[in-house]
Amino acid sequence: MKLESVQKPKIPTLMSAFITLLNDRLGETIVFPLLPFLLERFTNSGSTLGLLAGTYAISQFAVAPLIGALSDRFGRKPVIITCVAGSVIGLFLFAVTVSIDWVNLLPIWATSLPLLMLFGARVIDGASGGTAATATAVLADISTPENRAKTFGLIGVAFGLGFVLGPGLGTALAQFSVTLPVWAATLFALSNLALVIWILPETLSIKARSSLVRKRELNPFTQLSRVFTNPLSRRLCLAFFIFFMAFNGFTAVLVLYLKEAFNWGPQLSSQAFVVVGVVAMVVQGGLIGPLVNRFGEWRLTLAGIGFVIAGCILLTLANTDNSIPMVFSAVGVLAIGTGLVTPCLRALISRRLDGSGQGAVLGSLQGLQSLGTFIGASAAGFCYDLLGQKSPFIGTTYLLIIVIILVTGNGLPKYKEQSSSN
């Protein structure tokens, strides 16, 4: 009976955290493959699309340290409620903006208003993007050190489902209206808000709460300084930053490329991202452990980068006659690549640190990823407009060669890699 009384309160907590993590992914994966189609009434500019895609990331980057500090000071529940409410507002504003026929409503001098509203919606949604980090903190609060890894498995499940269900739902709903998936994402976020308000208990006791940190510690660039001032991790963290700048950069304009180069519609574009989600789930959910034991993180990181380069090359070789098999093959190869690089490069950084400053550096990697996404997406958009449709994929290939040089350089940790022969 005592065991039941301990476990039962965890059920609503686990459910709330899981739905919050799922909502964090669904809001992005439903909307992202449809962005060029949602924006076509306002602009066909790759630069605008890249900036819009990067706005979410840079807003999240700017606010993430504050959200973490507030959750440690005031508790998890009020912060999650605030973040999910912000996500509802951002998605609702985005859905309203892309659903209104602005041509008959606005004078000529105000035609830029819808785009400004879309950027505002992305800023709000991005600034509210601390839901995943705070939901993860909730899982840590209710876990013992012994079962924490098992509890954290919910994060991978939620993110994997989000990458599959989001594009899948977008594909199904876009057949009726291209704006309908955005309303579905808004409704799911609203349901998430109701769940955390009425079901989620507070998991951080008053005794465990900390005082607010100094203003300097809330500066996201201060957080990143720890990465590049640590000689143990500097080189690999730079590789991590460049990888996500390159990968998230070209993916920001990928759907626009498919739309304009091959005349793909929203259903086909979303289906390509379903493939990405399925492959990523298989690689990170089932294959990564045995592969690491057999080949080690270093070899898998290099192999993953090679897969991403191969995917970019396939995209540049696609034409109107072979676009479907080539693009679907390319995104599958890309998913394998990033599925290998992301966990293995993090593990290399962690192994390199050997416990020295590990928490601070690894905690800053998300900020590094967000900043890289903003820079990469913005640069890819401008390259798309100024240098041609294939230039972001070619640029990514060159950047990934730099990543290979960094990973294989003298900055690598001196350790004997795991293998099945050990």
Protein backbone atom coordinates (compact mmCIF):
# COMPACT_ATOMS: atom_id res chain seq x y z
CA MET A 1 0.00 0.00 0.00
CA LYS A 2 2.83 2.33 0.81
CA LEU A 3 4.42 1.69 -2.60
CA GLU A 4 1.12 2.50 -4.33
CA SER A 5 0.77 5.76 -2.43
CA VAL A 6 4.21 6.79 -3.62
CA GLN A 7 3.69 5.80 -7.25
CA LYS A 8 0.16 7.07 -7.89
CA PRO A 9 1.02 10.80 -7.60
CA LYS A 10 3.70 10.26 -10.24
CA ILE A 11 1.18 9.21 -12.89
CA PRO A 12 -0.33 12.69 -13.52
CA THR A 13 3.14 14.19 -13.27
CA LEU A 14 4.59 11.83 -15.85
CA MET A 15 1.59 12.31 -18.14
CA SER A 16 1.78 16.10 -17.89
CA ALA A 17 5.52 16.14 -18.55
CA PHE A 18 5.16 13.76 -21.49
CA ILE A 19 2.35 15.77 -23.13
CA THR A 20 4.33 18.97 -22.59
CA LEU A 21 7.40 17.47 -24.28
CA LEU A 22 5.22 16.15 -27.11
CA ASN A 23 3.56 19.54 -27.53
CA ASP A 24 6.98 21.20 -27.73
CA ARG A 25 7.83 19.05 -30.77
CA LEU A 26 4.39 18.98 -32.39
CA GLY A 27 4.15 22.76 -32.52
CA GLU A 28 7.29 22.79 -34.66
CA THR A 29 6.94 19.61 -36.72
CA ILE A 30 3.36 20.31 -37.79
CA VAL A 31 4.06 23.86 -38.94
CA PHE A 32 7.65 23.71 -40.23
CA PRO A 33 7.09 21.55 -43.37
CA LEU A 34 4.22 23.84 -44.36
CA LEU A 35 5.91 27.22 -43.88
CA PRO A 36 6.55 28.05 -47.58
CA PHE A 37 2.92 27.21 -48.43
CA LEU A 38 1.58 29.24 -45.50
CA LEU A 39 3.74 32.21 -46.52
CA GLU A 40 3.21 32.14 -50.28
CA ARG A 41 0.46 34.80 -50.10
CA PHE A 42 2.91 37.14 -48.35
CA THR A 43 6.36 36.33 -49.78
CA ASN A 44 8.40 33.78 -51.74
CA SER A 45 11.69 35.11 -50.39
CA GLY A 46 14.14 32.57 -49.06
CA SER A 47 15.67 35.29 -46.89
CA THR A 48 12.36 35.97 -45.17
CA LEU A 49 11.71 32.26 -44.69
CA GLY A 50 15.18 31.72 -43.22
CA LEU A 51 14.79 34.63 -40.82
CA LEU A 52 11.33 33.44 -39.79
CA ALA A 53 12.64 29.92 -39.15
CA GLY A 54 15.56 31.31 -37.17
CA THR A 55 13.46 33.74 -35.12
CA TYR A 56 12.08 30.91 -32.97
CA ALA A 57 15.59 29.64 -32.21
CA ILE A 58 17.12 33.01 -31.32
CA SER A 59 14.16 33.89 -29.09
CA GLN A 60 14.56 30.58 -27.29
CA PHE A 61 18.30 31.20 -26.97
CA ALA A 62 17.77 34.62 -25.42
CA VAL A 63 15.24 33.55 -22.79
CA ALA A 64 16.37 30.01 -21.88
CA PRO A 65 18.70 30.98 -18.98
CA LEU A 66 15.97 33.15 -17.41
CA ILE A 67 13.37 30.38 -17.67
CA GLY A 68 15.73 27.92 -16.00
CA ALA A 69 16.46 30.35 -13.17
CA LEU A 70 12.77 31.14 -12.65
CA SER A 71 11.85 27.45 -12.44
CA ASP A 72 14.52 26.93 -9.77
CA ARG A 73 13.28 29.96 -7.81
CA PHE A 74 9.48 29.81 -8.09
CA GLY A 75 8.87 26.16 -8.95
CA ARG A 76 8.22 24.15 -12.09
CA LYS A 77 4.45 24.47 -12.39
CA PRO A 78 4.09 28.28 -12.75
CA VAL A 79 6.91 28.36 -15.28
CA ILE A 80 5.45 25.53 -17.37
CA ILE A 81 2.02 27.17 -17.28
CA THR A 82 3.52 30.47 -18.45
CA CYS A 83 5.54 28.80 -21.22
CA VAL A 84 2.66 26.69 -22.54
CA ALA A 85 0.35 29.73 -22.41
CA GLY A 86 2.91 31.64 -24.48
CA SER A 87 3.01 28.78 -26.96
CA VAL A 88 -0.80 28.90 -27.25
CA ILE A 89 -0.71 32.66 -27.89
CA GLY A 90 2.09 32.37 -30.46
CA LEU A 91 0.44 29.54 -32.38
CA PHE A 92 -2.96 31.24 -32.25
CA LEU A 93 -1.53 34.48 -33.61
CA PHE A 94 0.24 32.57 -36.38
CA ALA A 95 -2.93 30.62 -37.26
CA VAL A 96 -5.06 33.78 -37.36
CA THR A 97 -2.52 35.61 -39.53
CA VAL A 98 -2.25 32.89 -42.20
CA SER A 99 -6.04 32.34 -42.23
CA ILE A 100 -7.16 35.91 -42.92
CA ASP A 101 -7.55 37.27 -46.45
CA TRP A 102 -5.48 40.42 -45.94
CA VAL A 103 -5.73 41.66 -49.54
CA ASN A 104 -9.21 43.10 -49.03
CA LEU A 105 -8.53 44.37 -45.52
CA LEU A 106 -5.33 46.39 -45.67
CA PRO A 107 -4.32 49.53 -47.56
CA ILE A 108 -1.19 49.29 -49.70
CA TRP A 109 1.02 51.00 -47.10
CA ALA A 110 0.16 48.33 -44.49
CA THR A 111 0.85 45.21 -46.58
CA SER A 112 3.83 44.29 -44.39
CA LEU A 113 1.61 43.95 -41.30
CA PRO A 114 0.90 40.19 -41.75
CA LEU A 115 4.62 39.39 -41.95
CA LEU A 116 5.27 41.45 -38.83
CA MET A 117 2.54 39.52 -37.06
CA LEU A 118 4.09 36.22 -38.15
CA PHE A 119 7.48 37.28 -36.81
CA GLY A 120 5.81 38.39 -33.58
CA ALA A 121 4.11 35.00 -33.29
CA ARG A 122 7.43 33.19 -33.73
CA VAL A 123 9.10 35.42 -31.14
CA ILE A 124 6.36 34.68 -28.61
CA ASP A 125 6.45 30.95 -29.32
CA GLY A 126 10.26 30.85 -29.18
CA ALA A 127 10.48 32.88 -25.98
CA SER A 128 8.03 30.39 -24.47
CA GLY A 129 10.21 27.50 -25.60
CA GLY A 130 11.40 26.62 -22.13
CA THR A 131 8.70 23.99 -21.88
CA ALA A 132 11.04 21.12 -22.77
CA ALA A 133 13.75 22.15 -20.33
CA THR A 134 11.29 22.68 -17.48
CA ALA A 135 9.43 19.43 -18.22
CA THR A 136 12.80 17.67 -18.09
CA ALA A 137 13.44 19.29 -14.70
CA VAL A 138 10.06 17.92 -13.53
CA LEU A 139 11.15 14.41 -14.51
CA ALA A 140 14.42 14.91 -12.62
CA ASP A 141 12.51 16.09 -9.52
CA ILE A 142 10.43 12.92 -9.29
CA SER A 143 13.22 10.48 -10.15
CA THR A 144 15.83 8.83 -8.00
CA PRO A 145 19.39 8.61 -9.34
CA GLU A 146 18.81 4.91 -9.95
CA ASN A 147 15.75 5.30 -12.20
CA ARG A 148 16.52 8.70 -13.72
CA ALA A 149 17.80 7.30 -17.00
CA LYS A 150 14.63 5.22 -17.38
CA THR A 151 12.42 8.21 -16.60
CA PHE A 152 14.35 10.37 -19.06
CA GLY A 153 13.51 7.80 -21.72
CA LEU A 154 10.16 9.60 -21.94
CA ILE A 155 11.99 12.54 -23.51
CA GLY A 156 13.21 10.46 -26.43
CA VAL A 157 9.80 8.82 -26.87
CA ALA A 158 8.00 12.19 -26.86
CA PHE A 159 10.44 13.78 -29.30
CA GLY A 160 10.37 10.74 -31.59
CA LEU A 161 6.58 10.68 -31.64
CA GLY A 162 6.54 14.41 -32.28
CA PHE A 163 8.75 14.04 -35.34
CA VAL A 164 6.48 11.32 -36.74
CA LEU A 165 3.02 12.53 -35.67
CA GLY A 166 3.61 16.19 -36.50
CA PRO A 167 4.38 15.84 -40.24
CA GLY A 168 1.88 12.95 -40.45
CA LEU A 169 -0.90 15.10 -39.02
CA GLY A 170 0.18 17.96 -41.27
CA THR A 171 -0.01 15.68 -44.31
CA ALA A 172 -3.52 14.49 -43.43
CA LEU A 173 -4.98 17.90 -42.57
CA ALA A 174 -3.32 19.84 -45.39
CA GLN A 175 -5.47 17.90 -47.86
CA PHE A 176 -8.43 19.96 -46.63
CA SER A 177 -6.68 23.28 -45.95
CA VAL A 178 -3.06 24.28 -45.60
CA THR A 179 -3.94 26.37 -42.52
CA LEU A 180 -5.82 23.58 -40.73
CA PRO A 181 -2.64 21.94 -39.31
CA VAL A 182 -1.72 25.20 -37.58
CA TRP A 183 -5.12 25.30 -35.87
CA ALA A 184 -4.62 21.67 -34.83
CA ALA A 185 -1.27 22.58 -33.25
CA THR A 186 -2.95 25.47 -31.42
CA LEU A 187 -5.70 23.19 -30.10
CA PHE A 188 -3.15 20.65 -28.87
CA ALA A 189 -1.20 23.40 -27.07
CA LEU A 190 -4.45 24.61 -25.47
CA SER A 191 -5.17 21.07 -24.25
CA ASN A 192 -1.63 20.89 -22.87
CA LEU A 193 -2.25 24.14 -20.99
CA ALA A 194 -5.43 22.78 -19.40
CA LEU A 195 -3.58 19.62 -18.40
CA VAL A 196 -0.72 21.38 -16.62
CA ILE A 197 -3.09 23.80 -14.88
CA TRP A 198 -5.40 21.17 -13.42
CA ILE A 199 -3.36 17.97 -13.22
CA LEU A 200 0.36 18.76 -12.88
CA PRO A 201 1.46 19.00 -9.23
CA GLU A 202 4.39 21.13 -8.12
CA THR A 203 7.48 18.92 -7.99
CA LEU A 204 10.08 21.30 -6.52
CA SER A 205 9.75 21.68 -2.78
CA ILE A 206 10.12 25.11 -1.21
CA LYS A 207 13.24 23.95 0.64
CA ALA A 208 14.88 22.92 -2.63
CA ARG A 209 14.30 26.27 -4.34
CA SER A 210 17.21 28.59 -4.94
CA SER A 211 17.54 32.34 -5.03
CA LEU A 212 17.65 34.14 -8.35
CA VAL A 213 21.08 34.18 -9.94
CA ARG A 214 22.97 37.34 -10.81
CA LYS A 215 21.97 39.23 -13.95
CA ARG A 216 25.27 38.30 -15.55
CA GLU A 217 24.35 34.63 -15.29
CA LEU A 218 21.10 35.29 -17.19
CA ASN A 219 23.02 36.52 -20.22
CA PRO A 220 22.95 33.64 -22.75
CA PHE A 221 26.35 34.67 -24.13
CA THR A 222 27.81 34.34 -20.64
CA GLN A 223 26.60 30.76 -20.65
CA LEU A 224 28.35 30.14 -23.98
CA SER A 225 31.60 31.66 -22.76
CA ARG A 226 32.01 28.58 -20.56
CA VAL A 227 32.08 26.46 -23.68
CA PHE A 228 34.85 28.30 -25.49
CA THR A 229 36.99 29.12 -22.46
CA ASN A 230 37.19 25.45 -21.47
CA PRO A 231 40.23 24.03 -23.34
CA LEU A 232 38.98 20.48 -22.85
CA SER A 233 35.80 21.02 -24.85
CA ARG A 234 36.47 24.05 -27.05
CA ARG A 235 37.28 22.24 -30.30
CA LEU A 236 34.47 19.70 -30.18
CA CYS A 237 31.92 22.31 -29.08
CA LEU A 238 32.92 24.43 -32.06
CA ALA A 239 32.31 21.38 -34.25
CA PHE A 240 28.91 20.93 -32.55
CA PHE A 241 28.03 24.58 -33.25
CA ILE A 242 29.07 24.48 -36.92
CA PHE A 243 27.26 21.18 -37.49
CA PHE A 244 23.93 22.53 -36.28
CA MET A 245 24.49 25.85 -38.04
CA ALA A 246 24.97 23.92 -41.30
CA PHE A 247 22.30 21.24 -40.84
CA ASN A 248 19.51 23.44 -39.45
CA GLY A 249 20.45 26.11 -41.96
CA PHE A 250 19.74 24.17 -45.12
CA THR A 251 16.71 22.39 -43.63
CA ALA A 252 15.14 25.84 -43.11
CA VAL A 253 14.90 26.32 -46.88
CA LEU A 254 14.49 22.65 -47.86
CA VAL A 255 10.70 22.76 -48.29
CA LEU A 256 10.92 26.00 -50.28
CA TYR A 257 13.44 24.24 -52.54
CA LEU A 258 11.09 21.27 -53.01
CA LYS A 259 8.18 23.60 -53.74
CA GLU A 260 9.94 25.81 -56.27
CA ALA A 261 12.34 23.34 -57.91
CA PHE A 262 10.00 20.33 -58.20
CA ASN A 263 6.53 21.83 -57.68
CA TRP A 264 5.91 19.72 -54.58
CA GLY A 265 2.73 20.38 -52.59
CA PRO A 266 2.26 20.45 -48.80
CA GLN A 267 1.27 16.76 -48.59
CA LEU A 268 4.39 15.46 -50.32
CA SER A 269 6.65 17.82 -48.38
CA SER A 270 5.18 16.73 -45.06
CA GLN A 271 5.54 13.07 -46.04
CA ALA A 272 9.27 13.62 -46.50
CA PHE A 273 9.48 14.77 -42.88
CA VAL A 274 7.53 11.70 -41.77
CA VAL A 275 10.37 9.65 -43.24
CA VAL A 276 12.85 11.75 -41.26
CA GLY A 277 10.93 11.10 -38.05
CA VAL A 278 10.65 7.34 -38.57
CA VAL A 279 14.32 6.91 -39.48
CA ALA A 280 15.47 9.11 -36.57
CA MET A 281 13.35 7.07 -34.14
CA VAL A 282 14.84 3.80 -35.40
CA VAL A 283 18.42 5.10 -35.25
CA GLN A 284 18.28 6.89 -31.89
CA GLY A 285 15.72 4.60 -30.29
CA GLY A 286 17.08 1.19 -31.18
CA LEU A 287 20.34 1.20 -33.12
CA ILE A 288 22.54 3.79 -31.46
CA GLY A 289 23.43 1.67 -28.41
CA PRO A 290 24.62 -1.43 -30.32
CA LEU A 291 26.37 0.76 -32.90
CA VAL A 292 28.30 2.66 -30.22
CA ASN A 293 29.34 -0.62 -28.61
CA ARG A 294 30.55 -1.89 -31.97
CA PHE A 295 32.18 1.18 -33.54
CA GLY A 296 32.54 3.88 -30.86
CA GLU A 297 31.31 7.48 -30.81
CA TRP A 298 34.21 8.92 -32.80
CA ARG A 299 33.73 6.70 -35.85
CA LEU A 300 29.95 7.08 -35.72
CA THR A 301 30.26 10.89 -35.58
CA LEU A 302 32.39 10.88 -38.72
CA ALA A 303 30.09 8.37 -40.40
CA GLY A 304 27.08 10.50 -39.51
CA ILE A 305 28.68 13.59 -41.04
CA GLY A 306 29.39 11.55 -44.16
CA PHE A 307 25.72 10.56 -44.37
CA VAL A 308 24.65 14.21 -44.11
CA ILE A 309 27.07 15.20 -46.88
CA ALA A 310 25.72 12.36 -49.03
CA GLY A 311 22.15 13.56 -48.40
CA CYS A 312 23.06 17.09 -49.49
CA ILE A 313 24.67 15.77 -52.67
CA LEU A 314 21.57 13.71 -53.48
CA LEU A 315 19.41 16.82 -53.09
CA THR A 316 21.55 18.75 -55.57
CA LEU A 317 21.35 15.85 -58.06
CA ALA A 318 17.55 15.64 -57.96
CA ASN A 319 15.53 16.90 -60.92
CA THR A 320 11.86 17.06 -61.87
CA ASP A 321 11.92 13.53 -63.32
CA ASN A 322 13.47 11.74 -60.34
CA SER A 323 12.61 14.15 -57.50
CA ILE A 324 10.43 11.76 -55.47
CA PRO A 325 12.89 8.81 -55.17
CA MET A 326 15.93 11.08 -54.90
CA VAL A 327 14.51 13.42 -52.27
CA PHE A 328 13.02 10.65 -50.14
CA SER A 329 16.35 8.80 -50.31
CA ALA A 330 18.17 12.01 -49.42
CA VAL A 331 16.06 12.82 -46.37
CA GLY A 332 16.36 9.22 -45.17
CA VAL A 333 20.16 9.43 -45.44
CA LEU A 334 20.11 12.84 -43.72
CA ALA A 335 18.04 11.41 -40.86
CA ILE A 336 20.54 8.58 -40.39
CA GLY A 337 23.36 11.11 -40.33
CA THR A 338 21.93 13.48 -37.76
CA GLY A 339 20.66 10.51 -35.74
CA LEU A 340 24.28 9.38 -35.40
CA VAL A 341 26.00 12.75 -34.99
CA THR A 342 23.76 14.33 -32.35
CA PRO A 343 24.11 11.75 -29.54
CA CYS A 344 27.66 10.70 -30.44
CA LEU A 345 29.11 14.21 -30.61
CA ARG A 346 27.48 15.03 -27.26
CA ALA A 347 29.03 11.85 -25.85
CA LEU A 348 32.46 12.79 -27.22
CA ILE A 349 32.22 16.17 -25.50
CA SER A 350 31.08 14.55 -22.26
CA ARG A 351 33.88 11.98 -22.40
CA ARG A 352 36.44 14.67 -23.12
CA LEU A 353 35.49 16.61 -20.01
CA ASP A 354 35.92 13.65 -17.63
CA GLY A 355 33.70 15.31 -15.03
CA SER A 356 35.54 18.65 -15.07
CA GLY A 357 32.97 21.38 -15.70
CA GLN A 358 30.77 18.86 -17.45
CA GLY A 359 27.44 20.15 -16.19
CA ALA A 360 28.09 23.75 -17.23
CA VAL A 361 29.38 22.90 -20.69
CA LEU A 362 26.78 20.27 -21.55
CA GLY A 363 24.05 22.58 -20.25
CA SER A 364 25.22 25.23 -22.70
CA LEU A 365 25.00 22.98 -25.77
CA GLN A 366 21.30 23.69 -26.25
CA GLY A 367 22.05 27.41 -26.38
CA LEU A 368 24.86 26.73 -28.83
CA GLN A 369 22.44 24.72 -30.99
CA SER A 370 19.81 27.49 -30.92
CA LEU A 371 22.31 30.19 -31.86
CA GLY A 372 23.69 28.02 -34.66
CA THR A 373 20.17 27.42 -35.95
CA PHE A 374 19.44 31.15 -36.15
CA ILE A 375 22.70 31.99 -37.93
CA GLY A 376 22.45 28.99 -40.26
CA ALA A 377 18.79 29.49 -41.20
CA SER A 378 19.28 33.21 -41.86
CA ALA A 379 22.43 32.65 -43.94
CA ALA A 380 20.82 29.79 -45.92
CA GLY A 381 17.85 32.00 -46.79
CA PHE A 382 20.06 34.79 -48.12
CA CYS A 383 22.21 32.29 -50.07
CA TYR A 384 19.07 30.78 -51.58
CA ASP A 385 17.99 34.18 -52.92
CA LEU A 386 21.39 35.52 -53.95
CA LEU A 387 23.39 32.46 -55.04
CA GLY A 388 20.76 30.00 -56.23
CA GLN A 389 18.46 27.27 -54.99
CA LYS A 390 21.20 24.66 -54.49
CA SER A 391 23.70 26.95 -52.76
CA PRO A 392 22.58 26.14 -49.16
CA PHE A 393 23.26 22.43 -49.76
CA ILE A 394 26.65 23.12 -51.31
CA GLY A 395 27.53 25.49 -48.47
CA THR A 396 26.51 22.85 -45.92
CA THR A 397 28.92 20.38 -47.53
CA TYR A 398 31.85 22.78 -47.11
CA LEU A 399 30.92 23.53 -43.51
CA LEU A 400 30.70 19.83 -42.70
CA ILE A 401 34.22 19.33 -44.05
CA ILE A 402 35.33 21.85 -41.41
CA VAL A 403 33.44 19.81 -38.80
CA ILE A 404 35.30 16.67 -39.91
CA ILE A 405 38.65 18.51 -39.53
CA LEU A 406 37.70 19.67 -36.03
CA VAL A 407 36.53 16.22 -34.92
CA THR A 408 39.59 14.42 -36.30
CA GLY A 409 42.09 17.03 -35.08
CA ASN A 410 44.49 16.98 -32.17
CA GLY A 411 41.79 18.15 -29.80
CA LEU A 412 40.27 14.68 -29.59
CA PRO A 413 40.22 12.96 -26.20
CA LYS A 414 42.75 10.24 -25.58
CA TYR A 415 40.65 7.22 -24.84
CA LYS A 416 40.23 3.73 -26.13
CA GLU A 417 36.95 3.51 -27.95
CA GLN A 418 34.41 0.91 -27.10
CA SER A 419 33.93 -1.91 -29.56
CA SER A 420 32.43 -5.32 -29.65
CA SER A 421 35.91 -6.80 -29.54
CA ASN A 422 36.53 -5.43 -26.05
